[in-house]
């Protein structure tokens, strides 16, 4: 049953198509726009990439091909005054922008709600320690892991659990910054290099 309080939705796109993000979000976002319009909901699309199916003139009632930044999205939301934002179809870009808007209080101040996954759910999915804590709290097994803030701790933990290990930032759903460490003789050097780039 449809929520009749939803009249106008801003959909945040994924921007440039890069390996690991965007093509699948363009498809999903296109389907979402189609379904929202079928329900009689006005759709405002925000995307920086003009070369997508999503930015076709028939996909949304209003299309903004603008930089996907918090500042730009705020301006568009203030102008268009949607009652809701759908961030889940914009990959990491949409999630990051939506989280900033929610945490800063902007969405609440402007009576805009997030559709789909709520900020707390996004945090739990993206923050490695929060995700691990949540899984352990419900009795789900987890791969050995530890959040570290420096290379020395990463090297020490790799000695404790053995190789191979995966080194990645704690707050990302994308694959771009993941690094695999397979060999003990290179582990220390690699971890120092990688962690300094995060």
N, C-alpha and C. Protein backbone atom coordinates (compact mmCIF):
# COMPACT_ATOMS: atom_id res chain seq x y z
N UNK A 1 0.83 -1.18 0.00
CA UNK A 1 0.00 0.00 0.00
C UNK A 1 0.88 1.25 0.00
N UNK A 2 0.60 2.16 -0.88
CA UNK A 2 1.42 3.35 -1.05
C UNK A 2 1.21 4.37 0.06
N UNK A 3 2.31 5.00 0.48
CA UNK A 3 2.27 6.08 1.46
C UNK A 3 1.85 7.35 0.71
N UNK A 4 0.63 7.79 0.91
CA UNK A 4 0.11 8.92 0.15
C UNK A 4 0.69 10.26 0.58
N UNK A 5 1.48 10.27 1.66
CA UNK A 5 2.12 11.52 2.07
C UNK A 5 3.34 11.84 1.20
N UNK A 6 3.78 10.85 0.42
CA UNK A 6 4.93 11.07 -0.46
C UNK A 6 4.42 11.62 -1.79
N UNK A 7 4.74 12.89 -2.04
CA UNK A 7 4.26 13.56 -3.25
C UNK A 7 5.39 13.90 -4.22
N UNK A 8 6.56 14.23 -3.65
CA UNK A 8 7.68 14.69 -4.48
C UNK A 8 8.97 14.13 -3.91
N UNK A 9 9.71 13.39 -4.73
CA UNK A 9 10.92 12.71 -4.28
C UNK A 9 12.13 13.19 -5.09
N UNK A 10 13.21 13.52 -4.37
CA UNK A 10 14.48 13.82 -5.02
C UNK A 10 15.31 12.54 -5.04
N UNK A 11 15.75 12.15 -6.22
CA UNK A 11 16.59 10.96 -6.38
C UNK A 11 18.02 11.44 -6.64
N UNK A 12 18.95 10.99 -5.81
CA UNK A 12 20.35 11.36 -5.99
C UNK A 12 21.03 10.28 -6.81
N UNK A 13 21.56 10.68 -7.97
CA UNK A 13 22.25 9.74 -8.85
C UNK A 13 23.66 9.45 -8.39
N UNK A 14 24.37 8.66 -9.19
CA UNK A 14 25.69 8.20 -8.77
C UNK A 14 26.84 8.94 -9.42
N UNK A 15 26.55 9.81 -10.37
CA UNK A 15 27.63 10.56 -10.99
C UNK A 15 28.38 9.74 -12.02
N UNK A 16 29.69 9.99 -12.18
CA UNK A 16 30.47 9.31 -13.22
C UNK A 16 30.48 7.80 -13.05
N UNK A 17 30.49 7.11 -14.15
CA UNK A 17 30.57 5.65 -14.11
C UNK A 17 32.03 5.26 -13.94
N UNK A 18 32.31 4.59 -12.82
CA UNK A 18 33.66 4.12 -12.53
C UNK A 18 33.58 2.66 -12.16
N UNK A 19 34.72 1.98 -12.18
CA UNK A 19 34.73 0.56 -11.84
C UNK A 19 34.24 0.40 -10.41
N UNK A 20 33.27 -0.47 -10.21
CA UNK A 20 32.76 -0.74 -8.87
C UNK A 20 31.59 0.14 -8.47
N UNK A 21 31.26 1.12 -9.29
CA UNK A 21 30.13 1.98 -8.95
C UNK A 21 29.59 2.68 -10.17
N UNK A 22 28.31 2.77 -10.24
CA UNK A 22 27.55 3.67 -11.11
C UNK A 22 26.71 2.98 -12.15
N UNK A 23 27.24 2.06 -12.97
CA UNK A 23 26.42 1.46 -14.03
C UNK A 23 25.20 0.77 -13.43
N UNK A 24 25.42 -0.02 -12.38
CA UNK A 24 24.29 -0.72 -11.76
C UNK A 24 23.35 0.25 -11.05
N UNK A 25 23.90 1.37 -10.54
CA UNK A 25 23.05 2.35 -9.87
C UNK A 25 22.25 3.15 -10.89
N UNK A 26 22.81 3.36 -12.07
CA UNK A 26 22.06 4.03 -13.13
C UNK A 26 20.85 3.19 -13.51
N UNK A 27 21.04 1.89 -13.64
CA UNK A 27 19.92 1.00 -13.98
C UNK A 27 18.87 1.01 -12.87
N UNK A 28 19.33 0.83 -11.63
CA UNK A 28 18.40 0.79 -10.49
C UNK A 28 17.68 2.12 -10.33
N UNK A 29 18.42 3.21 -10.50
CA UNK A 29 17.83 4.54 -10.37
C UNK A 29 16.79 4.81 -11.44
N UNK A 30 17.07 4.33 -12.64
CA UNK A 30 16.12 4.48 -13.74
C UNK A 30 14.82 3.75 -13.42
N UNK A 31 14.94 2.53 -12.91
CA UNK A 31 13.75 1.76 -12.53
C UNK A 31 12.98 2.45 -11.42
N UNK A 32 13.70 3.02 -10.45
CA UNK A 32 13.05 3.72 -9.34
C UNK A 32 12.28 4.93 -9.86
N UNK A 33 12.90 5.70 -10.75
CA UNK A 33 12.23 6.88 -11.32
C UNK A 33 10.95 6.45 -12.05
N UNK A 34 11.05 5.39 -12.83
CA UNK A 34 9.88 4.87 -13.56
C UNK A 34 8.74 4.52 -12.60
N UNK A 35 9.08 3.78 -11.54
CA UNK A 35 8.06 3.32 -10.60
C UNK A 35 7.45 4.48 -9.82
N UNK A 36 8.28 5.43 -9.42
CA UNK A 36 7.76 6.59 -8.70
C UNK A 36 6.77 7.36 -9.59
N UNK A 37 7.15 7.56 -10.85
CA UNK A 37 6.26 8.29 -11.76
C UNK A 37 4.96 7.52 -12.01
N UNK A 38 5.05 6.20 -12.09
CA UNK A 38 3.82 5.39 -12.26
C UNK A 38 2.86 5.60 -11.10
N UNK A 39 3.44 5.85 -9.91
CA UNK A 39 2.61 6.06 -8.71
C UNK A 39 2.09 7.49 -8.61
N UNK A 40 2.43 8.31 -9.61
CA UNK A 40 1.97 9.68 -9.61
C UNK A 40 2.80 10.61 -8.74
N UNK A 41 4.01 10.17 -8.39
CA UNK A 41 4.90 10.97 -7.55
C UNK A 41 5.80 11.81 -8.44
N UNK A 42 5.93 13.07 -8.10
CA UNK A 42 6.82 13.96 -8.87
C UNK A 42 8.27 13.59 -8.55
N UNK A 43 9.10 13.48 -9.58
CA UNK A 43 10.48 13.04 -9.41
C UNK A 43 11.45 14.16 -9.81
N UNK A 44 12.37 14.46 -8.88
CA UNK A 44 13.45 15.41 -9.14
C UNK A 44 14.74 14.61 -9.12
N UNK A 45 15.43 14.59 -10.24
CA UNK A 45 16.67 13.81 -10.34
C UNK A 45 17.88 14.73 -10.29
N UNK A 46 18.85 14.35 -9.46
CA UNK A 46 20.10 15.11 -9.35
C UNK A 46 21.24 14.16 -9.71
N UNK A 47 21.97 14.49 -10.76
CA UNK A 47 23.07 13.64 -11.20
C UNK A 47 24.08 14.50 -11.95
N UNK A 48 25.35 14.20 -11.80
CA UNK A 48 26.37 14.99 -12.49
C UNK A 48 26.75 14.41 -13.84
N UNK A 49 26.22 13.24 -14.15
CA UNK A 49 26.62 12.54 -15.38
C UNK A 49 25.50 12.62 -16.42
N UNK A 50 25.70 13.39 -17.50
CA UNK A 50 24.66 13.47 -18.52
C UNK A 50 24.57 12.23 -19.40
N UNK A 51 25.60 11.39 -19.36
CA UNK A 51 25.64 10.22 -20.24
C UNK A 51 25.09 8.98 -19.55
N UNK A 52 23.90 9.11 -18.97
CA UNK A 52 23.26 7.97 -18.31
C UNK A 52 21.83 7.86 -18.80
N UNK A 53 21.25 6.69 -18.63
CA UNK A 53 19.84 6.51 -18.96
C UNK A 53 18.99 7.33 -17.99
N UNK A 54 19.44 7.40 -16.76
CA UNK A 54 18.71 8.08 -15.70
C UNK A 54 18.43 9.54 -16.03
N UNK A 55 19.35 10.19 -16.76
CA UNK A 55 19.18 11.62 -17.05
C UNK A 55 18.43 11.86 -18.37
N UNK A 56 17.85 10.83 -18.94
CA UNK A 56 16.98 11.01 -20.10
C UNK A 56 15.79 11.88 -19.68
N UNK A 57 15.36 12.75 -20.57
CA UNK A 57 14.31 13.73 -20.21
C UNK A 57 12.99 13.09 -19.78
N UNK A 58 12.77 11.82 -20.14
CA UNK A 58 11.52 11.15 -19.76
C UNK A 58 11.58 10.46 -18.40
N UNK A 59 12.74 10.45 -17.79
CA UNK A 59 12.91 9.70 -16.54
C UNK A 59 12.42 10.44 -15.31
N UNK A 60 12.42 11.76 -15.36
CA UNK A 60 12.03 12.55 -14.19
C UNK A 60 11.31 13.81 -14.62
N UNK A 61 10.58 14.41 -13.68
CA UNK A 61 9.88 15.65 -13.97
C UNK A 61 10.85 16.82 -14.06
N UNK A 62 11.86 16.78 -13.21
CA UNK A 62 12.92 17.80 -13.25
C UNK A 62 14.26 17.06 -13.17
N UNK A 63 15.19 17.47 -14.02
CA UNK A 63 16.52 16.85 -14.02
C UNK A 63 17.57 17.93 -13.83
N UNK A 64 18.42 17.74 -12.84
CA UNK A 64 19.53 18.65 -12.58
C UNK A 64 20.83 17.91 -12.87
N UNK A 65 21.54 18.37 -13.88
CA UNK A 65 22.87 17.82 -14.16
C UNK A 65 23.86 18.81 -13.57
N UNK A 66 24.20 18.54 -12.33
CA UNK A 66 25.01 19.44 -11.51
C UNK A 66 26.03 18.62 -10.72
N UNK A 67 27.08 19.27 -10.21
CA UNK A 67 28.04 18.54 -9.37
C UNK A 67 27.34 17.90 -8.18
N UNK A 68 27.72 16.68 -7.88
CA UNK A 68 27.13 15.99 -6.73
C UNK A 68 27.91 16.34 -5.47
N UNK A 69 27.59 17.50 -4.94
CA UNK A 69 28.19 17.97 -3.69
C UNK A 69 27.06 18.30 -2.72
N UNK A 70 27.39 18.35 -1.45
CA UNK A 70 26.39 18.69 -0.43
C UNK A 70 25.82 20.08 -0.71
N UNK A 71 26.69 21.03 -1.04
CA UNK A 71 26.25 22.41 -1.29
C UNK A 71 25.25 22.48 -2.45
N UNK A 72 25.58 21.81 -3.55
CA UNK A 72 24.70 21.84 -4.72
C UNK A 72 23.37 21.15 -4.43
N UNK A 73 23.43 19.99 -3.78
CA UNK A 73 22.21 19.25 -3.48
C UNK A 73 21.32 20.06 -2.53
N UNK A 74 21.91 20.74 -1.55
CA UNK A 74 21.13 21.59 -0.64
C UNK A 74 20.38 22.66 -1.42
N UNK A 75 21.08 23.32 -2.35
CA UNK A 75 20.44 24.39 -3.14
C UNK A 75 19.26 23.85 -3.93
N UNK A 76 19.43 22.68 -4.53
CA UNK A 76 18.36 22.08 -5.32
C UNK A 76 17.18 21.70 -4.43
N UNK A 77 17.47 21.11 -3.28
CA UNK A 77 16.40 20.72 -2.36
C UNK A 77 15.63 21.93 -1.85
N UNK A 78 16.33 23.02 -1.57
CA UNK A 78 15.67 24.24 -1.11
C UNK A 78 14.78 24.82 -2.21
N UNK A 79 15.24 24.73 -3.45
CA UNK A 79 14.46 25.24 -4.58
C UNK A 79 13.25 24.36 -4.87
N UNK A 80 13.45 23.05 -4.90
CA UNK A 80 12.40 22.12 -5.32
C UNK A 80 11.44 21.71 -4.19
N UNK A 81 11.92 21.79 -2.96
CA UNK A 81 11.11 21.44 -1.78
C UNK A 81 10.44 20.06 -1.88
N UNK A 82 11.23 19.01 -2.10
CA UNK A 82 10.63 17.66 -2.08
C UNK A 82 10.30 17.28 -0.64
N UNK A 83 9.38 16.33 -0.48
CA UNK A 83 9.10 15.86 0.88
C UNK A 83 10.02 14.71 1.27
N UNK A 84 10.70 14.11 0.26
CA UNK A 84 11.55 12.95 0.52
C UNK A 84 12.77 12.94 -0.39
N UNK A 85 13.81 12.24 0.08
CA UNK A 85 15.02 12.01 -0.72
C UNK A 85 15.26 10.51 -0.77
N UNK A 86 15.57 10.01 -1.96
CA UNK A 86 15.90 8.60 -2.14
C UNK A 86 17.40 8.51 -2.44
N UNK A 87 18.22 8.17 -1.43
CA UNK A 87 19.67 8.21 -1.61
C UNK A 87 20.30 6.88 -2.03
N UNK A 88 19.58 5.78 -1.82
CA UNK A 88 20.18 4.45 -1.92
C UNK A 88 20.60 4.07 -3.33
N UNK A 89 20.14 4.81 -4.33
CA UNK A 89 20.42 4.42 -5.72
C UNK A 89 21.56 5.23 -6.31
N UNK A 90 22.22 6.00 -5.46
CA UNK A 90 23.35 6.79 -5.93
C UNK A 90 24.68 6.26 -5.44
N UNK A 91 24.71 5.00 -5.05
CA UNK A 91 25.97 4.39 -4.59
C UNK A 91 26.56 5.15 -3.42
N UNK A 92 27.87 5.12 -3.32
CA UNK A 92 28.56 5.78 -2.22
C UNK A 92 28.33 7.29 -2.24
N UNK A 93 28.27 7.86 -3.44
CA UNK A 93 28.08 9.30 -3.56
C UNK A 93 26.76 9.73 -2.93
N UNK A 94 25.68 9.07 -3.32
CA UNK A 94 24.37 9.41 -2.77
C UNK A 94 24.29 9.19 -1.28
N UNK A 95 24.88 8.09 -0.81
CA UNK A 95 24.87 7.80 0.62
C UNK A 95 25.64 8.86 1.41
N UNK A 96 26.83 9.22 0.91
CA UNK A 96 27.65 10.21 1.62
C UNK A 96 26.94 11.55 1.73
N UNK A 97 26.36 12.00 0.61
CA UNK A 97 25.66 13.28 0.62
C UNK A 97 24.47 13.23 1.56
N UNK A 98 23.70 12.17 1.47
CA UNK A 98 22.51 12.03 2.32
C UNK A 98 22.87 11.98 3.80
N UNK A 99 23.94 11.27 4.13
CA UNK A 99 24.37 11.19 5.52
C UNK A 99 24.76 12.58 6.04
N UNK A 100 25.48 13.34 5.22
CA UNK A 100 25.85 14.69 5.64
C UNK A 100 24.63 15.56 5.85
N UNK A 101 23.67 15.47 4.94
CA UNK A 101 22.45 16.26 5.06
C UNK A 101 21.65 15.87 6.30
N UNK A 102 21.60 14.57 6.59
CA UNK A 102 20.86 14.10 7.77
C UNK A 102 21.57 14.50 9.05
N UNK A 103 22.87 14.25 9.12
CA UNK A 103 23.61 14.50 10.35
C UNK A 103 23.74 15.99 10.68
N UNK A 104 23.73 16.83 9.66
CA UNK A 104 23.82 18.28 9.89
C UNK A 104 22.48 18.86 10.33
N UNK A 105 21.42 18.07 10.22
CA UNK A 105 20.09 18.55 10.59
C UNK A 105 19.35 19.23 9.45
N UNK A 106 19.98 19.31 8.27
CA UNK A 106 19.36 19.99 7.13
C UNK A 106 18.03 19.36 6.73
N UNK A 107 18.00 18.04 6.65
CA UNK A 107 16.77 17.37 6.22
C UNK A 107 15.63 17.62 7.20
N UNK A 108 15.92 17.48 8.48
CA UNK A 108 14.88 17.68 9.49
C UNK A 108 14.38 19.13 9.49
N UNK A 109 15.33 20.08 9.37
CA UNK A 109 14.96 21.50 9.36
C UNK A 109 14.02 21.83 8.19
N UNK A 110 14.17 21.09 7.09
CA UNK A 110 13.38 21.37 5.90
C UNK A 110 12.27 20.35 5.66
N UNK A 111 11.96 19.58 6.70
CA UNK A 111 10.88 18.58 6.63
C UNK A 111 11.02 17.63 5.44
N UNK A 112 12.25 17.18 5.25
CA UNK A 112 12.54 16.20 4.19
C UNK A 112 12.94 14.90 4.86
N UNK A 113 12.35 13.81 4.44
CA UNK A 113 12.72 12.52 5.04
C UNK A 113 13.50 11.67 4.06
N UNK A 114 14.32 10.80 4.62
CA UNK A 114 15.04 9.83 3.80
C UNK A 114 14.15 8.63 3.58
N UNK A 115 14.09 8.16 2.35
CA UNK A 115 13.36 6.93 2.05
C UNK A 115 14.36 5.78 1.99
N UNK A 116 13.90 4.58 2.26
CA UNK A 116 14.79 3.43 2.21
C UNK A 116 15.55 3.29 3.51
N UNK A 117 16.83 3.07 3.41
CA UNK A 117 17.66 2.86 4.60
C UNK A 117 17.85 4.14 5.38
N UNK A 118 17.62 4.09 6.67
CA UNK A 118 17.78 5.25 7.54
C UNK A 118 19.26 5.46 7.89
N UNK A 119 19.63 6.67 8.34
CA UNK A 119 21.04 6.95 8.65
C UNK A 119 21.69 5.93 9.57
N UNK A 120 20.96 5.46 10.59
CA UNK A 120 21.53 4.49 11.52
C UNK A 120 21.88 3.18 10.80
N UNK A 121 21.02 2.76 9.89
CA UNK A 121 21.28 1.54 9.11
C UNK A 121 22.46 1.71 8.18
N UNK A 122 22.59 2.90 7.57
CA UNK A 122 23.72 3.18 6.69
C UNK A 122 25.01 3.13 7.49
N UNK A 123 25.00 3.74 8.67
CA UNK A 123 26.20 3.73 9.53
C UNK A 123 26.61 2.30 9.87
N UNK A 124 25.62 1.50 10.25
CA UNK A 124 25.93 0.12 10.64
C UNK A 124 26.47 -0.69 9.47
N UNK A 125 26.01 -0.41 8.27
CA UNK A 125 26.48 -1.16 7.10
C UNK A 125 27.87 -0.71 6.67
N UNK A 126 28.19 0.56 6.86
CA UNK A 126 29.45 1.09 6.35
C UNK A 126 30.58 1.08 7.36
N UNK A 127 30.27 1.32 8.60
CA UNK A 127 31.32 1.36 9.62
C UNK A 127 31.64 -0.07 10.03
N UNK A 128 32.86 -0.49 9.76
CA UNK A 128 33.25 -1.89 9.97
C UNK A 128 33.03 -2.35 11.42
N UNK A 129 33.39 -1.52 12.38
CA UNK A 129 33.24 -1.93 13.77
C UNK A 129 31.77 -1.99 14.16
N UNK A 130 30.99 -1.00 13.72
CA UNK A 130 29.56 -1.00 14.03
C UNK A 130 28.88 -2.21 13.41
N UNK A 131 29.28 -2.57 12.19
CA UNK A 131 28.70 -3.73 11.52
C UNK A 131 29.06 -5.01 12.29
N UNK A 132 30.33 -5.13 12.65
CA UNK A 132 30.77 -6.31 13.40
C UNK A 132 30.04 -6.43 14.73
N UNK A 133 29.93 -5.31 15.45
CA UNK A 133 29.24 -5.32 16.74
C UNK A 133 27.78 -5.74 16.58
N UNK A 134 27.14 -5.25 15.52
CA UNK A 134 25.73 -5.59 15.26
C UNK A 134 25.58 -7.07 14.98
N UNK A 135 26.46 -7.62 14.13
CA UNK A 135 26.38 -9.05 13.79
C UNK A 135 26.64 -9.93 15.01
N UNK A 136 27.64 -9.56 15.79
CA UNK A 136 27.95 -10.35 16.99
C UNK A 136 26.82 -10.28 18.01
N UNK A 137 26.14 -9.13 18.08
CA UNK A 137 25.03 -8.97 19.03
C UNK A 137 23.86 -9.89 18.71
N UNK A 138 23.72 -10.27 17.43
CA UNK A 138 22.62 -11.17 17.05
C UNK A 138 23.12 -12.60 16.80
N UNK A 139 24.38 -12.85 17.17
CA UNK A 139 24.92 -14.20 17.08
C UNK A 139 25.39 -14.64 15.71
N UNK A 140 25.62 -13.68 14.81
CA UNK A 140 26.11 -14.04 13.48
C UNK A 140 27.64 -14.12 13.50
N UNK A 141 28.21 -15.16 12.88
CA UNK A 141 29.68 -15.25 12.85
C UNK A 141 30.28 -14.18 11.96
N UNK A 142 31.45 -13.69 12.35
CA UNK A 142 32.16 -12.66 11.58
C UNK A 142 33.59 -13.11 11.33
N UNK A 143 34.14 -12.68 10.22
CA UNK A 143 35.55 -12.91 9.92
C UNK A 143 36.38 -12.13 10.94
N UNK A 144 37.51 -12.67 11.32
CA UNK A 144 38.39 -11.97 12.25
C UNK A 144 38.73 -10.60 11.68
N UNK A 145 38.53 -9.56 12.50
CA UNK A 145 38.80 -8.20 12.03
C UNK A 145 39.08 -7.30 13.21
N UNK A 146 39.73 -6.19 12.90
CA UNK A 146 40.02 -5.22 13.94
C UNK A 146 40.16 -3.85 13.29
N UNK A 147 39.60 -2.84 13.93
CA UNK A 147 39.77 -1.48 13.44
C UNK A 147 41.07 -0.95 14.03
N UNK A 148 41.94 -0.48 13.17
CA UNK A 148 43.22 0.09 13.61
C UNK A 148 43.35 1.49 13.03
N UNK A 149 44.18 2.29 13.66
CA UNK A 149 44.36 3.67 13.20
C UNK A 149 45.79 3.96 12.75
N UNK A 150 46.63 2.93 12.78
CA UNK A 150 48.00 3.13 12.30
C UNK A 150 48.57 1.81 11.77
N UNK A 151 49.64 1.93 11.01
CA UNK A 151 50.23 0.76 10.36
C UNK A 151 50.80 -0.23 11.36
N UNK A 152 51.37 0.27 12.46
CA UNK A 152 51.97 -0.64 13.45
C UNK A 152 50.93 -1.62 13.99
N UNK A 153 49.74 -1.10 14.32
CA UNK A 153 48.68 -1.97 14.84
C UNK A 153 48.19 -2.94 13.77
N UNK A 154 48.15 -2.49 12.52
CA UNK A 154 47.73 -3.37 11.42
C UNK A 154 48.71 -4.52 11.26
N UNK A 155 50.00 -4.21 11.30
CA UNK A 155 51.02 -5.25 11.17
C UNK A 155 50.93 -6.23 12.33
N UNK A 156 50.78 -5.72 13.56
CA UNK A 156 50.67 -6.59 14.73
C UNK A 156 49.46 -7.51 14.63
N UNK A 157 48.32 -6.96 14.20
CA UNK A 157 47.12 -7.79 14.10
C UNK A 157 47.27 -8.84 13.00
N UNK A 158 47.97 -8.50 11.92
CA UNK A 158 48.18 -9.48 10.84
C UNK A 158 49.03 -10.65 11.34
N UNK A 159 49.95 -10.37 12.28
CA UNK A 159 50.75 -11.45 12.86
C UNK A 159 49.87 -12.36 13.72
N UNK A 160 48.90 -11.75 14.38
CA UNK A 160 48.01 -12.50 15.27
C UNK A 160 47.07 -13.43 14.49
N UNK A 161 46.53 -12.95 13.37
CA UNK A 161 45.55 -13.75 12.63
C UNK A 161 46.11 -14.46 11.41
N UNK A 162 47.32 -14.04 10.99
CA UNK A 162 47.95 -14.66 9.82
C UNK A 162 47.49 -14.06 8.51
N UNK A 163 48.25 -14.32 7.47
CA UNK A 163 47.93 -13.80 6.14
C UNK A 163 47.12 -14.83 5.36
N UNK A 164 46.39 -14.45 4.34
CA UNK A 164 46.26 -13.09 3.81
C UNK A 164 45.33 -12.23 4.66
N UNK A 165 45.49 -10.91 4.55
CA UNK A 165 44.60 -9.97 5.20
C UNK A 165 44.12 -8.95 4.16
N UNK A 166 43.02 -8.31 4.48
CA UNK A 166 42.49 -7.24 3.64
C UNK A 166 42.57 -5.96 4.47
N UNK A 167 43.14 -4.91 3.89
CA UNK A 167 43.26 -3.62 4.55
C UNK A 167 42.36 -2.65 3.81
N UNK A 168 41.46 -1.99 4.55
CA UNK A 168 40.55 -1.04 3.90
C UNK A 168 40.09 0.01 4.90
N UNK A 169 39.63 1.16 4.40
CA UNK A 169 39.08 2.17 5.31
C UNK A 169 37.82 1.63 5.97
N UNK A 170 37.51 2.13 7.15
CA UNK A 170 36.35 1.63 7.90
C UNK A 170 35.02 2.11 7.34
N UNK A 171 35.00 3.20 6.60
CA UNK A 171 33.72 3.79 6.22
C UNK A 171 33.58 3.87 4.70
N UNK A 172 33.36 2.74 4.07
CA UNK A 172 33.11 2.74 2.62
C UNK A 172 32.46 1.44 2.20
N UNK A 173 31.48 1.53 1.32
CA UNK A 173 30.88 0.34 0.72
C UNK A 173 31.54 0.01 -0.61
N UNK A 174 32.33 0.94 -1.12
CA UNK A 174 32.98 0.71 -2.40
C UNK A 174 34.20 -0.17 -2.24
N UNK A 175 34.68 -0.71 -3.36
CA UNK A 175 35.86 -1.58 -3.34
C UNK A 175 37.14 -0.82 -3.60
N UNK A 176 37.05 0.45 -4.00
CA UNK A 176 38.20 1.17 -4.53
C UNK A 176 39.44 1.17 -3.63
N UNK A 177 39.24 1.25 -2.30
CA UNK A 177 40.38 1.43 -1.42
C UNK A 177 40.78 0.15 -0.69
N UNK A 178 40.24 -0.97 -1.09
CA UNK A 178 40.63 -2.22 -0.44
C UNK A 178 41.99 -2.66 -0.97
N UNK A 179 42.81 -3.21 -0.09
CA UNK A 179 44.11 -3.74 -0.50
C UNK A 179 44.27 -5.13 0.12
N UNK A 180 44.80 -6.06 -0.64
CA UNK A 180 45.04 -7.41 -0.15
C UNK A 180 46.52 -7.56 0.17
N UNK A 181 46.80 -8.17 1.29
CA UNK A 181 48.18 -8.39 1.70
C UNK A 181 48.39 -9.90 1.82
N UNK A 182 49.26 -10.44 0.98
CA UNK A 182 49.41 -11.89 0.90
C UNK A 182 50.73 -12.41 1.47
N UNK A 183 51.77 -11.61 1.42
CA UNK A 183 53.09 -12.12 1.75
C UNK A 183 53.69 -11.41 2.95
N UNK A 184 54.18 -12.21 3.91
CA UNK A 184 54.72 -11.67 5.15
C UNK A 184 55.87 -10.69 4.89
N UNK A 185 56.75 -11.01 3.92
CA UNK A 185 57.93 -10.16 3.74
C UNK A 185 57.55 -8.76 3.23
N UNK A 186 56.36 -8.65 2.61
CA UNK A 186 55.94 -7.33 2.11
C UNK A 186 54.85 -6.72 2.97
N UNK A 187 54.35 -7.45 3.94
CA UNK A 187 53.18 -7.00 4.71
C UNK A 187 53.41 -5.65 5.38
N UNK A 188 54.53 -5.53 6.09
CA UNK A 188 54.78 -4.31 6.83
C UNK A 188 54.89 -3.10 5.89
N UNK A 189 55.70 -3.26 4.82
CA UNK A 189 55.88 -2.17 3.86
C UNK A 189 54.55 -1.78 3.22
N UNK A 190 53.80 -2.79 2.78
CA UNK A 190 52.53 -2.52 2.10
C UNK A 190 51.54 -1.82 3.03
N UNK A 191 51.43 -2.29 4.26
CA UNK A 191 50.47 -1.69 5.18
C UNK A 191 50.83 -0.23 5.50
N UNK A 192 52.12 0.05 5.66
CA UNK A 192 52.52 1.42 5.91
C UNK A 192 52.14 2.30 4.71
N UNK A 193 52.37 1.80 3.52
CA UNK A 193 52.05 2.54 2.31
C UNK A 193 50.56 2.78 2.18
N UNK A 194 49.79 1.72 2.32
CA UNK A 194 48.34 1.82 2.12
C UNK A 194 47.66 2.70 3.17
N UNK A 195 47.99 2.46 4.43
CA UNK A 195 47.31 3.21 5.49
C UNK A 195 47.62 4.69 5.38
N UNK A 196 48.83 5.05 4.92
CA UNK A 196 49.14 6.46 4.77
C UNK A 196 48.32 7.10 3.64
N UNK A 197 47.82 6.31 2.69
CA UNK A 197 47.03 6.87 1.60
C UNK A 197 45.55 6.97 1.94
N UNK A 198 45.09 6.27 2.97
CA UNK A 198 43.68 6.35 3.36
C UNK A 198 43.46 7.70 4.00
